[in-house]
C-alpha atoms as a PDB file:
ATOM      1  CA  MET A   1       1.258  53.623  22.694  1.00  0.00           C
ATOM      2  CA  ASN A   2      -1.296  50.865  23.320  1.00  0.00           C
ATOM      3  CA  PRO A   3      -0.417  47.481  21.782  1.00  0.00           C
ATOM      4  CA  VAL A   4      -2.352  46.420  18.686  1.00  0.00           C
ATOM      5  CA  SER A   5      -3.338  42.794  18.084  1.00  0.00           C
ATOM      6  CA  THR A   6      -1.436  41.026  15.337  1.00  0.00           C
ATOM      7  CA  SER A   7      -4.719  39.971  13.737  1.00  0.00           C
ATOM      8  CA  ARG A   8      -5.772  43.595  13.321  1.00  0.00           C
ATOM      9  CA  LEU A   9      -2.342  44.533  11.988  1.00  0.00           C
ATOM     10  CA  LEU A  10      -2.562  41.671   9.487  1.00  0.00           C
ATOM     11  CA  ASP A  11      -5.987  42.802   8.300  1.00  0.00           C
ATOM     12  CA  ILE A  12      -4.545  46.206   7.440  1.00  0.00           C
ATOM     13  CA  CYS A  13      -1.456  44.667   5.806  1.00  0.00           C
ATOM     14  CA  ILE A  14      -3.740  42.651   3.533  1.00  0.00           C
ATOM     15  CA  ALA A  15      -6.018  45.619   2.828  1.00  0.00           C
ATOM     16  CA  ALA A  16      -3.080  47.909   1.989  1.00  0.00           C
ATOM     17  CA  SER A  17      -1.404  45.308  -0.226  1.00  0.00           C
ATOM     18  CA  GLN A  18      -4.626  44.561  -2.098  1.00  0.00           C
ATOM     19  CA  ALA A  19      -5.423  48.261  -2.525  1.00  0.00           C
ATOM     20  CA  ALA A  20      -1.990  48.950  -4.014  1.00  0.00           C
ATOM     21  CA  GLY A  21      -2.362  45.899  -6.248  1.00  0.00           C
ATOM     22  CA  ARG A  22      -5.766  46.998  -7.521  1.00  0.00           C
ATOM     23  CA  HIS A  23      -4.412  50.445  -8.343  1.00  0.00           C
ATOM     24  CA  ALA A  24      -1.528  48.920 -10.295  1.00  0.00           C
ATOM     25  CA  VAL A  25      -3.806  46.527 -12.207  1.00  0.00           C
ATOM     26  CA  ASP A  26      -6.448  49.171 -12.902  1.00  0.00           C
ATOM     27  CA  ASN A  27      -3.730  51.400 -14.377  1.00  0.00           C
ATOM     28  CA  PHE A  28      -1.780  48.647 -16.119  1.00  0.00           C
ATOM     29  CA  ALA A  29      -1.942  50.522 -19.425  1.00  0.00           C
ATOM     30  CA  ARG A  30       0.169  53.250 -17.780  1.00  0.00           C
ATOM     31  CA  ARG A  31       2.929  50.845 -16.737  1.00  0.00           C
ATOM     32  CA  THR A  32       5.521  52.565 -18.960  1.00  0.00           C
ATOM     33  CA  GLU A  33       5.018  56.061 -17.478  1.00  0.00           C
ATOM     34  CA  THR A  34       8.493  56.608 -16.057  1.00  0.00           C
ATOM     35  CA  LEU A  35       9.850  59.113 -13.577  1.00  0.00           C
ATOM     36  CA  GLU A  36      13.446  57.929 -13.825  1.00  0.00           C
ATOM     37  CA  VAL A  37      15.260  55.377 -15.978  1.00  0.00           C
ATOM     38  CA  GLY A  38      18.583  53.862 -14.938  1.00  0.00           C
ATOM     39  CA  ALA A  39      20.871  51.408 -16.682  1.00  0.00           C
ATOM     40  CA  HIS A  40      19.197  48.418 -15.022  1.00  0.00           C
ATOM     41  CA  ASP A  41      16.172  49.819 -13.181  1.00  0.00           C
ATOM     42  CA  VAL A  42      13.198  52.104 -13.621  1.00  0.00           C
ATOM     43  CA  LYS A  43      11.037  54.267 -11.367  1.00  0.00           C
ATOM     44  CA  LEU A  44       7.421  54.529 -12.447  1.00  0.00           C
ATOM     45  CA  ALA A  45       4.687  57.025 -11.696  1.00  0.00           C
ATOM     46  CA  LEU A  46       2.697  54.026 -10.469  1.00  0.00           C
ATOM     47  CA  ASP A  47       5.403  53.176  -7.904  1.00  0.00           C
ATOM     48  CA  VAL A  48       4.755  56.489  -6.198  1.00  0.00           C
ATOM     49  CA  GLU A  49       0.987  56.285  -6.613  1.00  0.00           C
ATOM     50  CA  CYS A  50       0.767  52.742  -5.218  1.00  0.00           C
ATOM     51  CA  GLN A  51       2.865  53.737  -2.219  1.00  0.00           C
ATOM     52  CA  GLY A  52       0.428  56.573  -1.603  1.00  0.00           C
ATOM     53  CA  VAL A  53      -2.522  54.198  -1.864  1.00  0.00           C
ATOM     54  CA  ALA A  54      -0.993  51.670   0.571  1.00  0.00           C
ATOM     55  CA  GLY A  55       0.152  54.384   2.952  1.00  0.00           C
ATOM     56  CA  GLY A  56      -3.320  55.916   2.892  1.00  0.00           C
ATOM     57  CA  VAL A  57      -4.896  52.646   4.032  1.00  0.00           C
ATOM     58  CA  VAL A  58      -2.454  52.482   6.937  1.00  0.00           C
ATOM     59  CA  ARG A  59      -2.852  56.163   7.907  1.00  0.00           C
ATOM     60  CA  ARG A  60      -6.634  55.886   8.069  1.00  0.00           C
ATOM     61  CA  GLU A  61      -6.366  53.077  10.622  1.00  0.00           C
ATOM     62  CA  PHE A  62      -3.207  54.108  12.457  1.00  0.00           C
ATOM     63  CA  PRO A  63      -2.500  57.821  11.959  1.00  0.00           C
ATOM     64  CA  ASP A  64       0.194  57.792  14.651  1.00  0.00           C
ATOM     65  CA  HIS A  65       2.198  54.897  13.165  1.00  0.00           C
ATOM     66  CA  ALA A  66       5.388  55.496  11.173  1.00  0.00           C
ATOM     67  CA  LEU A  67       5.869  54.634   7.509  1.00  0.00           C
ATOM     68  CA  LEU A  68       9.009  53.414   5.755  1.00  0.00           C
ATOM     69  CA  GLY A  69       8.729  53.151   1.990  1.00  0.00           C
ATOM     70  CA  GLU A  70      10.882  52.631  -1.064  1.00  0.00           C
ATOM     71  CA  GLU A  71       9.710  55.712  -2.956  1.00  0.00           C
ATOM     72  CA  ARG A  72      10.386  59.395  -2.501  1.00  0.00           C
ATOM     73  CA  GLY A  73      12.300  59.333   0.779  1.00  0.00           C
ATOM     74  CA  LEU A  74       9.565  58.009   3.078  1.00  0.00           C
ATOM     75  CA  ARG A  75      11.697  57.334   6.178  1.00  0.00           C
ATOM     76  CA  GLU A  76       9.668  57.721   9.373  1.00  0.00           C
ATOM     77  CA  ASP A  77      10.444  55.828  12.562  1.00  0.00           C
ATOM     78  CA  GLY A  78       8.388  54.882  15.592  1.00  0.00           C
ATOM     79  CA  GLU A  79       7.257  52.080  17.902  1.00  0.00           C
ATOM     80  CA  TYR A  80       5.108  50.736  15.066  1.00  0.00           C
ATOM     81  CA  ARG A  81       6.619  51.103  11.602  1.00  0.00           C
ATOM     82  CA  TRP A  82       4.966  50.017   8.361  1.00  0.00           C
ATOM     83  CA  VAL A  83       7.378  48.904   5.640  1.00  0.00           C
ATOM     84  CA  ILE A  84       5.996  49.417   2.130  1.00  0.00           C
ATOM     85  CA  ASP A  85       7.220  48.215  -1.242  1.00  0.00           C
ATOM     86  CA  PRO A  86       4.473  49.487  -3.555  1.00  0.00           C
ATOM     87  CA  ILE A  87       5.575  47.486  -6.614  1.00  0.00           C
ATOM     88  CA  ASP A  88       8.290  44.922  -6.029  1.00  0.00           C
ATOM     89  CA  GLY A  89       9.515  43.826  -9.449  1.00  0.00           C
ATOM     90  CA  THR A  90       9.021  47.173 -11.164  1.00  0.00           C
ATOM     91  CA  VAL A  91      10.958  46.237 -14.304  1.00  0.00           C
ATOM     92  CA  ASN A  92       8.868  43.077 -14.652  1.00  0.00           C
ATOM     93  CA  PHE A  93       5.693  45.127 -14.201  1.00  0.00           C
ATOM     94  CA  SER A  94       6.751  47.705 -16.784  1.00  0.00           C
ATOM     95  CA  HIS A  95       7.325  44.929 -19.348  1.00  0.00           C
ATOM     96  CA  GLY A  96       4.110  43.081 -18.548  1.00  0.00           C
ATOM     97  CA  VAL A  97       5.854  40.146 -16.857  1.00  0.00           C
ATOM     98  CA  PRO A  98       3.526  38.800 -14.105  1.00  0.00           C
ATOM     99  CA  TYR A  99       6.175  38.321 -11.378  1.00  0.00           C
ATOM    100  CA  TRP A 100       5.608  41.487  -9.348  1.00  0.00           C
ATOM    101  CA  GLY A 101       3.801  42.231  -6.122  1.00  0.00           C
ATOM    102  CA  ASN A 102       2.800  44.691  -3.441  1.00  0.00           C
ATOM    103  CA  SER A 103       4.541  44.029  -0.134  1.00  0.00           C
ATOM    104  CA  ILE A 104       3.391  45.463   3.196  1.00  0.00           C
ATOM    105  CA  ALA A 105       4.864  44.612   6.600  1.00  0.00           C
ATOM    106  CA  VAL A 106       4.530  46.147  10.033  1.00  0.00           C
ATOM    107  CA  GLN A 107       7.259  46.127  12.651  1.00  0.00           C
ATOM    108  CA  HIS A 108       6.898  46.620  16.403  1.00  0.00           C
ATOM    109  CA  ARG A 109      10.073  47.982  17.959  1.00  0.00           C
ATOM    110  CA  GLY A 110      12.052  46.806  14.940  1.00  0.00           C
ATOM    111  CA  ARG A 111      10.620  43.288  14.753  1.00  0.00           C
ATOM    112  CA  THR A 112       8.294  42.298  11.918  1.00  0.00           C
ATOM    113  CA  VAL A 113       5.002  41.132  13.438  1.00  0.00           C
ATOM    114  CA  ALA A 114       2.682  40.943  10.417  1.00  0.00           C
ATOM    115  CA  GLY A 115       2.913  41.119   6.651  1.00  0.00           C
ATOM    116  CA  ALA A 116       1.137  40.545   3.362  1.00  0.00           C
ATOM    117  CA  VAL A 117       2.220  40.242  -0.251  1.00  0.00           C
ATOM    118  CA  SER A 118      -0.249  40.421  -3.099  1.00  0.00           C
ATOM    119  CA  LEU A 119       0.806  38.977  -6.469  1.00  0.00           C
ATOM    120  CA  PRO A 120      -2.122  40.380  -8.457  1.00  0.00           C
ATOM    121  CA  MET A 121      -1.397  38.864 -11.878  1.00  0.00           C
ATOM    122  CA  LEU A 122      -1.094  35.415 -10.301  1.00  0.00           C
ATOM    123  CA  GLY A 123      -4.167  35.723  -8.065  1.00  0.00           C
ATOM    124  CA  GLU A 124      -2.157  35.018  -4.916  1.00  0.00           C
ATOM    125  CA  ILE A 125      -2.107  36.672  -1.488  1.00  0.00           C
ATOM    126  CA  TYR A 126       0.483  35.566   1.056  1.00  0.00           C
ATOM    127  CA  ALA A 127       0.119  36.593   4.688  1.00  0.00           C
ATOM    128  CA  ALA A 128       1.429  35.850   8.172  1.00  0.00           C
ATOM    129  CA  THR A 129       1.709  37.119  11.717  1.00  0.00           C
ATOM    130  CA  ILE A 130       4.510  36.438  14.147  1.00  0.00           C
ATOM    131  CA  ASP A 131       2.182  34.258  16.208  1.00  0.00           C
ATOM    132  CA  GLY A 132       0.324  32.460  13.410  1.00  0.00           C
ATOM    133  CA  PRO A 133       0.908  30.378  10.289  1.00  0.00           C
ATOM    134  CA  ALA A 134       2.002  31.635   6.904  1.00  0.00           C
ATOM    135  CA  THR A 135      -0.820  31.356   4.397  1.00  0.00           C
ATOM    136  CA  LEU A 136      -1.495  31.465   0.670  1.00  0.00           C
ATOM    137  CA  ASN A 137      -5.030  32.598  -0.161  1.00  0.00           C
ATOM    138  CA  GLY A 138      -5.976  31.725   3.407  1.00  0.00           C
ATOM    139  CA  ALA A 139      -4.566  28.176   3.451  1.00  0.00           C
ATOM    140  CA  PRO A 140      -1.477  27.335   5.565  1.00  0.00           C
ATOM    141  CA  ILE A 141       1.790  26.795   3.699  1.00  0.00           C
ATOM    142  CA  ARG A 142       5.053  25.018   4.544  1.00  0.00           C
ATOM    143  CA  VAL A 143       8.591  25.117   3.214  1.00  0.00           C
ATOM    144  CA  SER A 144       9.924  22.242   1.116  1.00  0.00           C
ATOM    145  CA  GLY A 145      11.481  19.059   2.429  1.00  0.00           C
ATOM    146  CA  THR A 146      14.577  19.259   0.210  1.00  0.00           C
ATOM    147  CA  ALA A 147      17.609  18.333   2.303  1.00  0.00           C
ATOM    148  CA  ASP A 148      20.451  18.404  -0.234  1.00  0.00           C
ATOM    149  CA  LEU A 149      21.744  21.657  -1.724  1.00  0.00           C
ATOM    150  CA  ALA A 150      22.550  19.808  -4.951  1.00  0.00           C
ATOM    151  CA  HIS A 151      18.856  18.975  -5.380  1.00  0.00           C
ATOM    152  CA  SER A 152      17.561  22.460  -4.579  1.00  0.00           C
ATOM    153  CA  ILE A 153      16.083  25.367  -6.490  1.00  0.00           C
ATOM    154  CA  VAL A 154      17.521  28.657  -5.261  1.00  0.00           C
ATOM    155  CA  TYR A 155      16.329  32.155  -6.143  1.00  0.00           C
ATOM    156  CA  THR A 156      18.592  35.178  -6.385  1.00  0.00           C
ATOM    157  CA  GLY A 157      19.043  38.525  -8.099  1.00  0.00           C
ATOM    158  CA  MET A 158      21.861  40.119 -10.030  1.00  0.00           C
ATOM    159  CA  ILE A 159      23.411  43.408  -8.965  1.00  0.00           C
ATOM    160  CA  GLU A 160      24.834  45.231 -11.979  1.00  0.00           C
ATOM    161  CA  THR A 161      26.400  48.257 -10.228  1.00  0.00           C
ATOM    162  CA  ASP A 162      30.141  48.761  -9.851  1.00  0.00           C
ATOM    163  CA  GLY A 163      29.699  49.282  -6.095  1.00  0.00           C
ATOM    164  CA  ASP A 164      28.877  45.595  -5.690  1.00  0.00           C
ATOM    165  CA  ASP A 165      32.515  44.780  -6.577  1.00  0.00           C
ATOM    166  CA  GLY A 166      31.525  41.583  -8.344  1.00  0.00           C
ATOM    167  CA  VAL A 167      30.105  39.940  -5.195  1.00  0.00           C
ATOM    168  CA  SER A 168      26.747  39.206  -6.817  1.00  0.00           C
ATOM    169  CA  MET A 169      28.381  37.598  -9.839  1.00  0.00           C
ATOM    170  CA  ARG A 170      30.633  35.427  -7.658  1.00  0.00           C
ATOM    171  CA  VAL A 171      27.693  34.206  -5.590  1.00  0.00           C
ATOM    172  CA  THR A 172      25.625  33.516  -8.690  1.00  0.00           C
ATOM    173  CA  THR A 173      28.455  31.633 -10.403  1.00  0.00           C
ATOM    174  CA  ARG A 174      29.163  29.522  -7.316  1.00  0.00           C
ATOM    175  CA  LEU A 175      25.543  28.634  -6.621  1.00  0.00           C
ATOM    176  CA  ALA A 176      24.853  27.806 -10.258  1.00  0.00           C
ATOM    177  CA  LYS A 177      27.365  24.975  -9.824  1.00  0.00           C
ATOM    178  CA  ASP A 178      26.192  23.857  -6.377  1.00  0.00           C
ATOM    179  CA  VAL A 179      22.393  23.744  -6.780  1.00  0.00           C
ATOM    180  CA  GLN A 180      20.072  21.907  -9.124  1.00  0.00           C
ATOM    181  CA  LYS A 181      18.743  25.152 -10.635  1.00  0.00           C
ATOM    182  CA  LEU A 182      19.308  28.833  -9.998  1.00  0.00           C
ATOM    183  CA  ARG A 183      16.358  31.096 -10.790  1.00  0.00           C
ATOM    184  CA  ILE A 184      15.960  34.876 -11.060  1.00  0.00           C
ATOM    185  CA  LEU A 185      12.304  35.972 -11.051  1.00  0.00           C
ATOM    186  CA  GLY A 186      13.007  39.684 -10.678  1.00  0.00           C
ATOM    187  CA  SER A 187      10.949  40.143  -7.496  1.00  0.00           C
ATOM    188  CA  ALA A 188      12.416  39.387  -4.077  1.00  0.00           C
ATOM    189  CA  ALA A 189       8.935  39.392  -2.542  1.00  0.00           C
ATOM    190  CA  ALA A 190       7.700  36.724  -4.974  1.00  0.00           C
ATOM    191  CA  GLU A 191      10.849  34.641  -4.528  1.00  0.00           C
ATOM    192  CA  LEU A 192      10.510  34.605  -0.730  1.00  0.00           C
ATOM    193  CA  CYS A 193       6.838  33.689  -1.070  1.00  0.00           C
ATOM    194  CA  TYR A 194       7.872  30.771  -3.262  1.00  0.00           C
ATOM    195  CA  VAL A 195      10.394  29.549  -0.685  1.00  0.00           C
ATOM    196  CA  ALA A 196       7.715  29.806   2.002  1.00  0.00           C
ATOM    197  CA  CYS A 197       5.240  27.676   0.047  1.00  0.00           C
ATOM    198  CA  GLY A 198       7.786  25.079  -1.093  1.00  0.00           C
ATOM    199  CA  ARG A 199       8.163  26.159  -4.734  1.00  0.00           C
ATOM    200  CA  GLY A 200      11.843  26.687  -4.073  1.00  0.00           C
ATOM    201  CA  ASP A 201      14.338  25.852  -1.356  1.00  0.00           C
ATOM    202  CA  GLY A 202      16.429  28.983  -0.878  1.00  0.00           C
ATOM    203  CA  TYR A 203      16.825  32.676  -1.616  1.00  0.00           C
ATOM    204  CA  VAL A 204      19.868  34.918  -1.459  1.00  0.00           C
ATOM    205  CA  GLU A 205      20.631  38.519  -2.367  1.00  0.00           C
ATOM    206  CA  THR A 206      23.965  40.233  -1.866  1.00  0.00           C
ATOM    207  CA  THR A 207      22.359  43.706  -1.880  1.00  0.00           C
ATOM    208  CA  ILE A 208      18.690  43.973  -0.915  1.00  0.00           C
ATOM    209  CA  HIS A 209      16.519  46.453   0.969  1.00  0.00           C
ATOM    210  CA  LEU A 210      14.311  45.962   3.991  1.00  0.00           C
ATOM    211  CA  TRP A 211      11.120  46.826   2.101  1.00  0.00           C
ATOM    212  CA  ASP A 212      11.842  44.069  -0.448  1.00  0.00           C
ATOM    213  CA  LEU A 213      11.913  41.294   2.146  1.00  0.00           C
ATOM    214  CA  ALA A 214      10.273  42.340   5.434  1.00  0.00           C
ATOM    215  CA  ALA A 215       7.004  40.534   4.682  1.00  0.00           C
ATOM    216  CA  GLY A 216       8.442  37.637   2.694  1.00  0.00           C
ATOM    217  CA  ALA A 217      11.033  36.755   5.326  1.00  0.00           C
ATOM    218  CA  LEU A 218       8.270  36.509   7.926  1.00  0.00           C
ATOM    219  CA  PHE A 219       6.426  34.047   5.672  1.00  0.00           C
ATOM    220  CA  VAL A 220       9.507  31.837   5.366  1.00  0.00           C
ATOM    221  CA  GLU A 221      10.010  31.757   9.129  1.00  0.00           C
ATOM    222  CA  ARG A 222       6.350  31.073   9.934  1.00  0.00           C
ATOM    223  CA  ALA A 223       6.301  28.342   7.261  1.00  0.00           C
ATOM    224  CA  GLY A 224       9.141  26.531   9.040  1.00  0.00           C
ATOM    225  CA  GLY A 225      12.173  27.963   7.257  1.00  0.00           C
ATOM    226  CA  THR A 226      15.245  29.916   8.320  1.00  0.00           C
ATOM    227  CA  CYS A 227      16.202  33.516   7.525  1.00  0.00           C
ATOM    228  CA  GLU A 228      19.490  35.261   8.187  1.00  0.00           C
ATOM    229  CA  MET A 229      20.983  38.671   7.541  1.00  0.00           C
ATOM    230  CA  LEU A 230      24.557  37.915   6.516  1.00  0.00           C
ATOM    231  CA  GLU A 231      25.710  41.528   6.651  1.00  0.00           C
ATOM    232  CA  ASP A 232      24.166  44.914   7.425  1.00  0.00           C
ATOM    233  CA  LEU A 233      25.236  47.304   4.653  1.00  0.00           C
ATOM    234  CA  GLY A 234      23.509  50.325   6.197  1.00  0.00           C
ATOM    235  CA  ASP A 235      20.576  52.497   5.054  1.00  0.00           C
ATOM    236  CA  PHE A 236      18.121  49.569   5.229  1.00  0.00           C
ATOM    237  CA  THR A 237      20.331  47.539   2.879  1.00  0.00           C
ATOM    238  CA  MET A 238      21.805  44.104   3.588  1.00  0.00           C
ATOM    239  CA  ARG A 239      23.077  40.761   2.370  1.00  0.00           C
ATOM    240  CA  TYR A 240      20.315  38.266   3.093  1.00  0.00           C
ATOM    241  CA  LEU A 241      19.733  34.523   3.006  1.00  0.00           C
ATOM    242  CA  ALA A 242      16.558  32.469   3.478  1.00  0.00           C
ATOM    243  CA  SER A 243      15.962  28.758   3.128  1.00  0.00           C
ATOM    244  CA  ASN A 244      13.771  25.824   4.039  1.00  0.00           C
ATOM    245  CA  GLY A 245      16.178  25.263   6.945  1.00  0.00           C
ATOM    246  CA  ARG A 246      17.314  21.842   5.780  1.00  0.00           C
ATOM    247  CA  ILE A 247      19.800  23.174   3.219  1.00  0.00           C
ATOM    248  CA  HIS A 248      20.677  26.254   5.260  1.00  0.00           C
ATOM    249  CA  ALA A 249      24.141  25.336   6.527  1.00  0.00           C
ATOM    250  CA  ALA A 250      25.463  24.256   3.127  1.00  0.00           C
ATOM    251  CA  PHE A 251      23.699  27.133   1.353  1.00  0.00           C
ATOM    252  CA  ARG A 252      25.122  29.652   3.810  1.00  0.00           C
ATOM    253  CA  GLN A 253      28.647  28.277   3.526  1.00  0.00           C
ATOM    254  CA  ALA A 254      28.628  28.301  -0.281  1.00  0.00           C
ATOM    255  CA  THR A 255      27.354  31.890  -0.280  1.00  0.00           C
ATOM    256  CA  LEU A 256      29.929  33.095   2.254  1.00  0.00           C
ATOM    257  CA  ASP A 257      32.756  31.337   0.401  1.00  0.00           C
ATOM    258  CA  ALA A 258      31.747  33.206  -2.767  1.00  0.00           C
ATOM    259  CA  ILE A 259      31.400  36.549  -1.012  1.00  0.00           C
ATOM    260  CA  ARG A 260      34.868  36.206   0.542  1.00  0.00           C
ATOM    261  CA  ALA A 261      36.586  34.895  -2.595  1.00  0.00           C
END
């Protein structure tokens, strides 16, 4: 397969993310149309539709590329693989909370080389390539200069399932004591974008999926930060940490201490 320039890949990431975002916004009145309701999560008709919209943009440009998506078992593999989260922050979206986004990344031989996240209700588009800067609405962004974990804002999420064995709660409890403020926005994509642009200093999840963070992690790295998979849990699921780099060692140690407690 002939190589594709990262600039062209980024253009399609942005187009796919924006297209999915427009579909979600245009159908906002349908945000409570559910396909499945769990104890702490929900699957919407618009999740599936937005994945189809984003995937359609990619297929028209690159019909031979593989797609990996959150919804309905989309699990293709290939030299180029597009990683799609059609609505990251679905519960927020269904309740009308503005912290949700459409995340599109493309990987070449397993390495993320371009990505875009649209946060439609906030009017923000984050983007990056592996050989260029991370940007917000076209302007370069940088991680924060916070150097002390005790003075940091850290984003995380809570895992409510029994299979987590209390790891998420232990990490949350420990970090709440060690950082200035712990925040849960309900969208991993938005939280990683905020670390990349300096609105926070760190992000950690004890159970998170590749499609939630593939684009956002690239932004953090290209904005000068540090990302690390702490543990591969299989099936595109992992424990993951990202930071501005300056707090990384202390942040990592506190998280690992809590996981191992």
